[in-house]
C-alpha atoms as a PDB file:
ATOM      1  CA  MET A   1      -0.015   0.009  -0.012  1.00  0.00           C
ATOM      2  CA  LEU A   2       1.240   3.421  -0.925  1.00  0.00           C
ATOM      3  CA  PRO A   3       1.420   5.941   1.995  1.00  0.00           C
ATOM      4  CA  ALA A   4      -0.850   8.946   1.545  1.00  0.00           C
ATOM      5  CA  GLU A   5       2.027  11.391   2.120  1.00  0.00           C
ATOM      6  CA  ASP A   6       3.905   9.989  -0.984  1.00  0.00           C
ATOM      7  CA  ILE A   7       0.992  10.684  -3.419  1.00  0.00           C
ATOM      8  CA  PRO A   8       1.614  14.438  -3.947  1.00  0.00           C
ATOM      9  CA  ARG A   9       5.243  13.669  -4.755  1.00  0.00           C
ATOM     10  CA  LEU A  10       4.373  10.937  -7.233  1.00  0.00           C
ATOM     11  CA  LEU A  11       1.656  12.797  -9.161  1.00  0.00           C
ATOM     12  CA  PRO A  12       4.046  15.004 -11.213  1.00  0.00           C
ATOM     13  CA  LEU A  13       6.237  11.913 -11.980  1.00  0.00           C
ATOM     14  CA  LEU A  14       3.196   9.988 -13.212  1.00  0.00           C
ATOM     15  CA  ALA A  15       1.996  12.971 -15.269  1.00  0.00           C
ATOM     16  CA  GLY A  16       5.415  13.235 -16.910  1.00  0.00           C
ATOM     17  CA  ALA A  17       5.531   9.491 -17.615  1.00  0.00           C
ATOM     18  CA  GLN A  18       2.001   9.680 -19.106  1.00  0.00           C
ATOM     19  CA  ALA A  19       3.078  12.582 -21.352  1.00  0.00           C
ATOM     20  CA  ARG A  20       6.089  10.618 -22.597  1.00  0.00           C
ATOM     21  CA  LEU A  21       3.929   7.511 -23.256  1.00  0.00           C
ATOM     22  CA  THR A  22       1.399   9.654 -25.231  1.00  0.00           C
ATOM     23  CA  ALA A  23       4.224  11.141 -27.314  1.00  0.00           C
ATOM     24  CA  ALA A  24       5.614   7.638 -28.011  1.00  0.00           C
ATOM     25  CA  GLN A  25       2.069   6.431 -28.901  1.00  0.00           C
ATOM     26  CA  THR A  26       1.748   9.319 -31.403  1.00  0.00           C
ATOM     27  CA  VAL A  27       5.108   8.539 -33.037  1.00  0.00           C
ATOM     28  CA  LEU A  28       4.259   4.819 -33.286  1.00  0.00           C
ATOM     29  CA  ALA A  29       0.809   5.622 -34.733  1.00  0.00           C
ATOM     30  CA  GLU A  30       2.417   7.877 -37.408  1.00  0.00           C
ATOM     31  CA  ARG A  31       4.951   5.180 -38.338  1.00  0.00           C
ATOM     32  CA  LEU A  32       2.242   2.579 -38.554  1.00  0.00           C
ATOM     33  CA  ALA A  33       0.072   4.826 -40.723  1.00  0.00           C
ATOM     34  CA  ALA A  34       2.995   5.132 -43.141  1.00  0.00           C
ATOM     35  CA  PHE A  35       2.999   1.398 -43.749  1.00  0.00           C
ATOM     36  CA  LEU A  36      -0.770   0.906 -43.938  1.00  0.00           C
ATOM     37  CA  PRO A  37      -2.270   0.967 -47.393  1.00  0.00           C
ATOM     38  CA  SER A  38      -4.629   3.736 -48.349  1.00  0.00           C
ATOM     39  CA  GLN A  39      -8.311   2.914 -48.864  1.00  0.00           C
ATOM     40  CA  SER A  40      -7.836   2.544 -52.629  1.00  0.00           C
ATOM     41  CA  GLU A  41      -4.729   0.408 -52.134  1.00  0.00           C
ATOM     42  CA  ALA A  42      -6.590  -1.736 -49.655  1.00  0.00           C
ATOM     43  CA  GLU A  43      -9.444  -2.210 -52.130  1.00  0.00           C
ATOM     44  CA  ALA A  44      -7.025  -3.160 -54.891  1.00  0.00           C
ATOM     45  CA  PHE A  45      -5.263  -5.618 -52.505  1.00  0.00           C
ATOM     46  CA  SER A  46      -8.510  -7.242 -51.462  1.00  0.00           C
ATOM     47  CA  GLU A  47      -9.270  -7.875 -55.164  1.00  0.00           C
ATOM     48  CA  THR A  48      -5.947  -9.562 -55.758  1.00  0.00           C
ATOM     49  CA  THR A  49      -5.850 -11.681 -52.536  1.00  0.00           C
ATOM     50  CA  ASP A  50      -5.703 -15.372 -53.070  1.00  0.00           C
ATOM     51  CA  ARG A  51      -7.624 -18.118 -51.290  1.00  0.00           C
ATOM     52  CA  TRP A  52      -6.074 -21.451 -50.390  1.00  0.00           C
ATOM     53  CA  LEU A  53      -8.102 -24.505 -51.333  1.00  0.00           C
ATOM     54  CA  THR A  54      -8.132 -27.919 -49.681  1.00  0.00           C
ATOM     55  CA  THR A  55      -7.407 -31.087 -51.492  1.00  0.00           C
ATOM     56  CA  ASP A  56     -11.174 -31.898 -51.633  1.00  0.00           C
ATOM     57  CA  GLU A  57     -12.091 -28.472 -53.051  1.00  0.00           C
ATOM     58  CA  THR A  58      -9.333 -28.675 -55.656  1.00  0.00           C
ATOM     59  CA  ALA A  59     -10.253 -32.222 -56.646  1.00  0.00           C
ATOM     60  CA  ASP A  60     -13.880 -31.102 -57.094  1.00  0.00           C
ATOM     61  CA  LEU A  61     -12.861 -28.189 -59.286  1.00  0.00           C
ATOM     62  CA  LEU A  62     -10.525 -30.325 -61.464  1.00  0.00           C
ATOM     63  CA  LYS A  63     -12.919 -33.369 -61.501  1.00  0.00           C
ATOM     64  CA  VAL A  64     -10.051 -35.615 -60.376  1.00  0.00           C
ATOM     65  CA  ASP A  65      -9.525 -37.903 -57.414  1.00  0.00           C
ATOM     66  CA  ARG A  66      -7.599 -36.660 -54.339  1.00  0.00           C
ATOM     67  CA  LYS A  67      -5.015 -39.382 -55.007  1.00  0.00           C
ATOM     68  CA  TRP A  68      -4.325 -37.786 -58.416  1.00  0.00           C
ATOM     69  CA  LEU A  69      -3.474 -34.497 -56.720  1.00  0.00           C
ATOM     70  CA  TYR A  70      -1.104 -36.148 -54.169  1.00  0.00           C
ATOM     71  CA  ARG A  71       0.670 -38.077 -56.968  1.00  0.00           C
ATOM     72  CA  ARG A  72       1.195 -34.930 -59.069  1.00  0.00           C
ATOM     73  CA  ALA A  73       1.684 -32.338 -56.355  1.00  0.00           C
ATOM     74  CA  LYS A  74       5.380 -31.727 -57.200  1.00  0.00           C
ATOM     75  CA  GLY A  75       4.434 -30.817 -60.813  1.00  0.00           C
ATOM     76  CA  LEU A  76       1.553 -28.504 -59.975  1.00  0.00           C
ATOM     77  CA  PRO A  77       2.808 -24.903 -59.675  1.00  0.00           C
ATOM     78  CA  PHE A  78      -0.215 -23.800 -57.609  1.00  0.00           C
ATOM     79  CA  CYS A  79       0.347 -26.518 -54.917  1.00  0.00           C
ATOM     80  CA  ARG A  80       2.093 -26.087 -51.597  1.00  0.00           C
ATOM     81  CA  ARG A  81       2.883 -29.136 -49.439  1.00  0.00           C
ATOM     82  CA  LEU A  82       2.569 -28.302 -45.731  1.00  0.00           C
ATOM     83  CA  SER A  83       3.385 -31.799 -44.645  1.00  0.00           C
ATOM     84  CA  ARG A  84       3.428 -35.337 -45.977  1.00  0.00           C
ATOM     85  CA  LYS A  85      -0.318 -35.509 -45.754  1.00  0.00           C
ATOM     86  CA  LYS A  86      -1.369 -31.898 -46.166  1.00  0.00           C
ATOM     87  CA  LEU A  87      -1.527 -29.959 -49.409  1.00  0.00           C
ATOM     88  CA  LEU A  88      -2.952 -26.568 -50.112  1.00  0.00           C
ATOM     89  CA  PHE A  89      -3.772 -25.108 -53.553  1.00  0.00           C
ATOM     90  CA  SER A  90      -3.807 -21.440 -54.688  1.00  0.00           C
ATOM     91  CA  GLU A  91      -7.132 -20.690 -56.188  1.00  0.00           C
ATOM     92  CA  ALA A  92      -5.792 -17.959 -58.382  1.00  0.00           C
ATOM     93  CA  GLY A  93      -2.843 -20.164 -59.450  1.00  0.00           C
ATOM     94  CA  LEU A  94      -5.225 -22.979 -60.242  1.00  0.00           C
ATOM     95  CA  HIS A  95      -7.418 -20.798 -62.436  1.00  0.00           C
ATOM     96  CA  ARG A  96      -4.339 -19.482 -64.286  1.00  0.00           C
ATOM     97  CA  TRP A  97      -3.080 -23.055 -64.775  1.00  0.00           C
ATOM     98  CA  MET A  98      -6.460 -24.136 -66.095  1.00  0.00           C
ATOM     99  CA  ALA A  99      -6.660 -21.191 -68.470  1.00  0.00           C
ATOM    100  CA  ASN A 100      -3.213 -21.878 -69.945  1.00  0.00           C
ATOM    101  CA  ARG A 101      -3.737 -25.674 -70.472  1.00  0.00           C
ATOM    102  CA  LYS A 102      -4.324 -26.939 -73.944  1.00  0.00           C
ATOM    103  CA  PRO A 103      -7.782 -28.478 -74.394  1.00  0.00           C
END
């Protein structure tokens, strides 16, 4: 417990510390704002973001068996192997790959 007679001495110290913290918070907020995209940049980014598909979703889109995907994972440029049993597929990469394939 803080003795009551120490409070008047500590109040100016606390006010000074609070002022320094507020100044630091302002500087950090300005630095963060410099790295955040503007509204138009954020909208453009959201239009170009990719979605990662599971093996089942990708197999459904390609009309193939899941085993087909596992056998050919190394040769599929839109595939990322997370572990021996876990694959993820870039939806944008899959659509580009499908568009560039010969019929």
